[in-house]
């Protein structure tokens, strides 16, 4: 019982870190526009314009997908451990892929997202990987 709570709690930490990505995105979009400023200055030398909708929309999409995946793992963690563990592997792979994409993506030799955004997107995958290991250990 105690371990299943730990597994669920760790999956919920991944949910919280996904929400953190969305909150930081909202704060940046509403306030400092550091992401947009970075991308605009990076693309300016190539005669291209950065799209705020695309930049921030991608971050929101990643955050929403991460939340949905990790909520599914958390919901299944207590009663359906094998299914939750398999979903945990899938969620870890998807969220890690999305985080790595944000971290490593480049266009015209320019990284539109700074390392901060990639790291923020990778945090749910790291917490989720721990939850997934706990789910498999329990089985």
C-alpha atoms as a PDB file:
ATOM      1  CA  UNK A   1       0.000   0.000   0.000  1.00  0.00           C
ATOM      2  CA  UNK A   2       2.721   2.413   0.970  1.00  0.00           C
ATOM      3  CA  UNK A   3       4.679   1.779  -2.220  1.00  0.00           C
ATOM      4  CA  UNK A   4       1.614   2.238  -4.457  1.00  0.00           C
ATOM      5  CA  UNK A   5       1.137   5.656  -2.880  1.00  0.00           C
ATOM      6  CA  UNK A   6       4.773   6.420  -3.640  1.00  0.00           C
ATOM      7  CA  UNK A   7       4.318   5.398  -7.272  1.00  0.00           C
ATOM      8  CA  UNK A   8       1.196   7.508  -7.592  1.00  0.00           C
ATOM      9  CA  UNK A   9       2.844  10.443  -5.828  1.00  0.00           C
ATOM     10  CA  UNK A  10       5.843  10.291  -8.170  1.00  0.00           C
ATOM     11  CA  UNK A  11       3.539  10.229 -11.199  1.00  0.00           C
ATOM     12  CA  UNK A  12       1.705  13.226  -9.752  1.00  0.00           C
ATOM     13  CA  UNK A  13       5.045  15.017  -9.408  1.00  0.00           C
ATOM     14  CA  UNK A  14       5.464  14.491 -13.164  1.00  0.00           C
ATOM     15  CA  UNK A  15       2.002  16.046 -13.621  1.00  0.00           C
ATOM     16  CA  UNK A  16       3.030  18.995 -11.456  1.00  0.00           C
ATOM     17  CA  UNK A  17       6.226  19.505 -13.432  1.00  0.00           C
ATOM     18  CA  UNK A  18       4.178  19.472 -16.639  1.00  0.00           C
ATOM     19  CA  UNK A  19       1.889  22.116 -15.188  1.00  0.00           C
ATOM     20  CA  UNK A  20       5.009  24.077 -14.203  1.00  0.00           C
ATOM     21  CA  UNK A  21       6.036  24.140 -17.871  1.00  0.00           C
ATOM     22  CA  UNK A  22       2.633  25.590 -18.780  1.00  0.00           C
ATOM     23  CA  UNK A  23       2.768  28.162 -15.976  1.00  0.00           C
ATOM     24  CA  UNK A  24       6.269  29.329 -16.919  1.00  0.00           C
ATOM     25  CA  UNK A  25       5.093  29.593 -20.538  1.00  0.00           C
ATOM     26  CA  UNK A  26       2.076  31.679 -19.510  1.00  0.00           C
ATOM     27  CA  UNK A  27       4.257  33.963 -17.385  1.00  0.00           C
ATOM     28  CA  UNK A  28       6.756  34.419 -20.201  1.00  0.00           C
ATOM     29  CA  UNK A  29       4.088  35.049 -22.808  1.00  0.00           C
ATOM     30  CA  UNK A  30       2.190  37.494 -20.624  1.00  0.00           C
ATOM     31  CA  UNK A  31       5.233  39.290 -19.293  1.00  0.00           C
ATOM     32  CA  UNK A  32       8.837  39.240 -20.369  1.00  0.00           C
ATOM     33  CA  UNK A  33       8.522  37.584 -23.791  1.00  0.00           C
ATOM     34  CA  UNK A  34      12.059  36.219 -23.330  1.00  0.00           C
ATOM     35  CA  UNK A  35      11.327  33.239 -25.589  1.00  0.00           C
ATOM     36  CA  UNK A  36       9.915  35.419 -28.345  1.00  0.00           C
ATOM     37  CA  UNK A  37      12.749  37.946 -27.997  1.00  0.00           C
ATOM     38  CA  UNK A  38      15.347  35.180 -28.204  1.00  0.00           C
ATOM     39  CA  UNK A  39      13.763  33.602 -31.278  1.00  0.00           C
ATOM     40  CA  UNK A  40      13.191  36.970 -32.964  1.00  0.00           C
ATOM     41  CA  UNK A  41      16.823  38.007 -32.552  1.00  0.00           C
ATOM     42  CA  UNK A  42      18.056  34.571 -33.636  1.00  0.00           C
ATOM     43  CA  UNK A  43      15.947  34.541 -36.800  1.00  0.00           C
ATOM     44  CA  UNK A  44      16.587  38.196 -37.680  1.00  0.00           C
ATOM     45  CA  UNK A  45      19.990  37.440 -39.167  1.00  0.00           C
ATOM     46  CA  UNK A  46      18.281  35.043 -41.601  1.00  0.00           C
ATOM     47  CA  UNK A  47      15.573  37.491 -42.609  1.00  0.00           C
ATOM     48  CA  UNK A  48      12.876  35.371 -40.947  1.00  0.00           C
ATOM     49  CA  UNK A  49      10.297  36.276 -38.324  1.00  0.00           C
ATOM     50  CA  UNK A  50       9.475  34.170 -35.282  1.00  0.00           C
ATOM     51  CA  UNK A  51       5.827  33.347 -34.713  1.00  0.00           C
ATOM     52  CA  UNK A  52       4.700  33.811 -31.120  1.00  0.00           C
ATOM     53  CA  UNK A  53       1.730  31.508 -31.732  1.00  0.00           C
ATOM     54  CA  UNK A  54       3.960  28.694 -32.945  1.00  0.00           C
ATOM     55  CA  UNK A  55       6.593  29.115 -30.231  1.00  0.00           C
ATOM     56  CA  UNK A  56       4.213  29.298 -27.302  1.00  0.00           C
ATOM     57  CA  UNK A  57       1.649  26.956 -28.840  1.00  0.00           C
ATOM     58  CA  UNK A  58       4.199  24.177 -29.056  1.00  0.00           C
ATOM     59  CA  UNK A  59       5.061  24.602 -25.383  1.00  0.00           C
ATOM     60  CA  UNK A  60       1.394  24.523 -24.398  1.00  0.00           C
ATOM     61  CA  UNK A  61       0.874  21.413 -26.517  1.00  0.00           C
ATOM     62  CA  UNK A  62       3.806  19.649 -24.865  1.00  0.00           C
ATOM     63  CA  UNK A  63       2.551  20.606 -21.401  1.00  0.00           C
ATOM     64  CA  UNK A  64      -1.025  19.409 -22.069  1.00  0.00           C
ATOM     65  CA  UNK A  65       0.124  16.113 -23.569  1.00  0.00           C
ATOM     66  CA  UNK A  66       2.486  15.538 -20.638  1.00  0.00           C
ATOM     67  CA  UNK A  67      -0.279  16.240 -18.107  1.00  0.00           C
ATOM     68  CA  UNK A  68      -2.679  13.839 -19.821  1.00  0.00           C
ATOM     69  CA  UNK A  69      -0.118  11.042 -20.043  1.00  0.00           C
ATOM     70  CA  UNK A  70       1.038  11.309 -16.432  1.00  0.00           C
ATOM     71  CA  UNK A  71      -2.506  11.657 -15.096  1.00  0.00           C
ATOM     72  CA  UNK A  72      -3.264   8.367 -16.836  1.00  0.00           C
ATOM     73  CA  UNK A  73      -0.286   6.712 -15.183  1.00  0.00           C
ATOM     74  CA  UNK A  74      -1.244   8.138 -11.781  1.00  0.00           C
ATOM     75  CA  UNK A  75      -4.847   6.986 -12.158  1.00  0.00           C
ATOM     76  CA  UNK A  76      -3.799   3.439 -12.991  1.00  0.00           C
ATOM     77  CA  UNK A  77      -0.889   3.210 -10.547  1.00  0.00           C
ATOM     78  CA  UNK A  78      -2.834   1.886  -7.606  1.00  0.00           C
ATOM     79  CA  UNK A  79      -5.009  -0.842  -9.093  1.00  0.00           C
ATOM     80  CA  UNK A  80      -3.610  -1.780 -12.515  1.00  0.00           C
ATOM     81  CA  UNK A  81       0.126  -1.806 -11.939  1.00  0.00           C
ATOM     82  CA  UNK A  82       1.146  -3.659 -15.109  1.00  0.00           C
ATOM     83  CA  UNK A  83      -0.922  -1.428 -17.373  1.00  0.00           C
ATOM     84  CA  UNK A  84       0.298   1.626 -15.460  1.00  0.00           C
ATOM     85  CA  UNK A  85       3.905   0.471 -15.822  1.00  0.00           C
ATOM     86  CA  UNK A  86       3.527  -0.025 -19.578  1.00  0.00           C
ATOM     87  CA  UNK A  87       1.811   3.355 -19.912  1.00  0.00           C
ATOM     88  CA  UNK A  88       4.626   4.789 -17.799  1.00  0.00           C
ATOM     89  CA  UNK A  89       7.196   3.527 -20.290  1.00  0.00           C
ATOM     90  CA  UNK A  90       5.214   4.993 -23.181  1.00  0.00           C
ATOM     91  CA  UNK A  91       4.716   8.289 -21.344  1.00  0.00           C
ATOM     92  CA  UNK A  92       8.405   8.482 -20.428  1.00  0.00           C
ATOM     93  CA  UNK A  93       9.457   7.892 -24.025  1.00  0.00           C
ATOM     94  CA  UNK A  94       6.995  10.432 -25.417  1.00  0.00           C
ATOM     95  CA  UNK A  95       7.696  13.137 -22.836  1.00  0.00           C
ATOM     96  CA  UNK A  96      11.456  12.630 -23.086  1.00  0.00           C
ATOM     97  CA  UNK A  97      11.238  12.843 -26.882  1.00  0.00           C
ATOM     98  CA  UNK A  98       9.284  16.077 -26.680  1.00  0.00           C
ATOM     99  CA  UNK A  99      11.735  17.541 -24.182  1.00  0.00           C
ATOM    100  CA  UNK A 100      14.730  16.536 -26.283  1.00  0.00           C
ATOM    101  CA  UNK A 101      13.066  18.020 -29.343  1.00  0.00           C
ATOM    102  CA  UNK A 102      12.695  21.363 -27.589  1.00  0.00           C
ATOM    103  CA  UNK A 103      16.255  21.131 -26.313  1.00  0.00           C
ATOM    104  CA  UNK A 104      17.884  20.166 -29.607  1.00  0.00           C
ATOM    105  CA  UNK A 105      15.610  21.575 -32.317  1.00  0.00           C
ATOM    106  CA  UNK A 106      17.212  24.023 -34.688  1.00  0.00           C
ATOM    107  CA  UNK A 107      16.259  25.794 -37.864  1.00  0.00           C
ATOM    108  CA  UNK A 108      18.689  27.781 -40.012  1.00  0.00           C
ATOM    109  CA  UNK A 109      21.330  26.797 -37.468  1.00  0.00           C
ATOM    110  CA  UNK A 110      19.338  28.597 -34.782  1.00  0.00           C
ATOM    111  CA  UNK A 111      17.868  27.072 -31.631  1.00  0.00           C
ATOM    112  CA  UNK A 112      14.504  28.824 -31.194  1.00  0.00           C
ATOM    113  CA  UNK A 113      14.159  27.451 -27.643  1.00  0.00           C
ATOM    114  CA  UNK A 114      16.836  28.127 -25.060  1.00  0.00           C
ATOM    115  CA  UNK A 115      18.107  25.282 -22.901  1.00  0.00           C
ATOM    116  CA  UNK A 116      15.760  26.366 -20.117  1.00  0.00           C
ATOM    117  CA  UNK A 117      12.708  25.302 -22.119  1.00  0.00           C
ATOM    118  CA  UNK A 118      14.206  21.932 -23.005  1.00  0.00           C
ATOM    119  CA  UNK A 119      15.146  21.244 -19.401  1.00  0.00           C
ATOM    120  CA  UNK A 120      11.692  22.281 -18.170  1.00  0.00           C
ATOM    121  CA  UNK A 121      10.151  19.899 -20.707  1.00  0.00           C
ATOM    122  CA  UNK A 122      12.490  17.067 -19.649  1.00  0.00           C
ATOM    123  CA  UNK A 123      11.696  17.319 -15.925  1.00  0.00           C
ATOM    124  CA  UNK A 124       8.334  15.478 -16.177  1.00  0.00           C
ATOM    125  CA  UNK A 125      10.049  12.666 -18.077  1.00  0.00           C
ATOM    126  CA  UNK A 126      12.671  12.328 -15.332  1.00  0.00           C
ATOM    127  CA  UNK A 127      10.059  12.175 -12.562  1.00  0.00           C
ATOM    128  CA  UNK A 128       7.933   9.844 -14.657  1.00  0.00           C
ATOM    129  CA  UNK A 129      10.867   7.517 -15.253  1.00  0.00           C
ATOM    130  CA  UNK A 130      11.243   7.155 -11.484  1.00  0.00           C
ATOM    131  CA  UNK A 131       7.525   6.413 -11.159  1.00  0.00           C
ATOM    132  CA  UNK A 132       7.767   3.826 -13.930  1.00  0.00           C
ATOM    133  CA  UNK A 133      10.707   2.071 -12.278  1.00  0.00           C
ATOM    134  CA  UNK A 134       8.753   1.951  -9.021  1.00  0.00           C
ATOM    135  CA  UNK A 135       5.775   0.456 -10.849  1.00  0.00           C
ATOM    136  CA  UNK A 136       7.912  -2.296 -12.346  1.00  0.00           C
ATOM    137  CA  UNK A 137       9.664  -2.993  -9.043  1.00  0.00           C
ATOM    138  CA  UNK A 138       6.318  -3.458  -7.364  1.00  0.00           C
ATOM    139  CA  UNK A 139       5.153  -6.003  -9.909  1.00  0.00           C
END
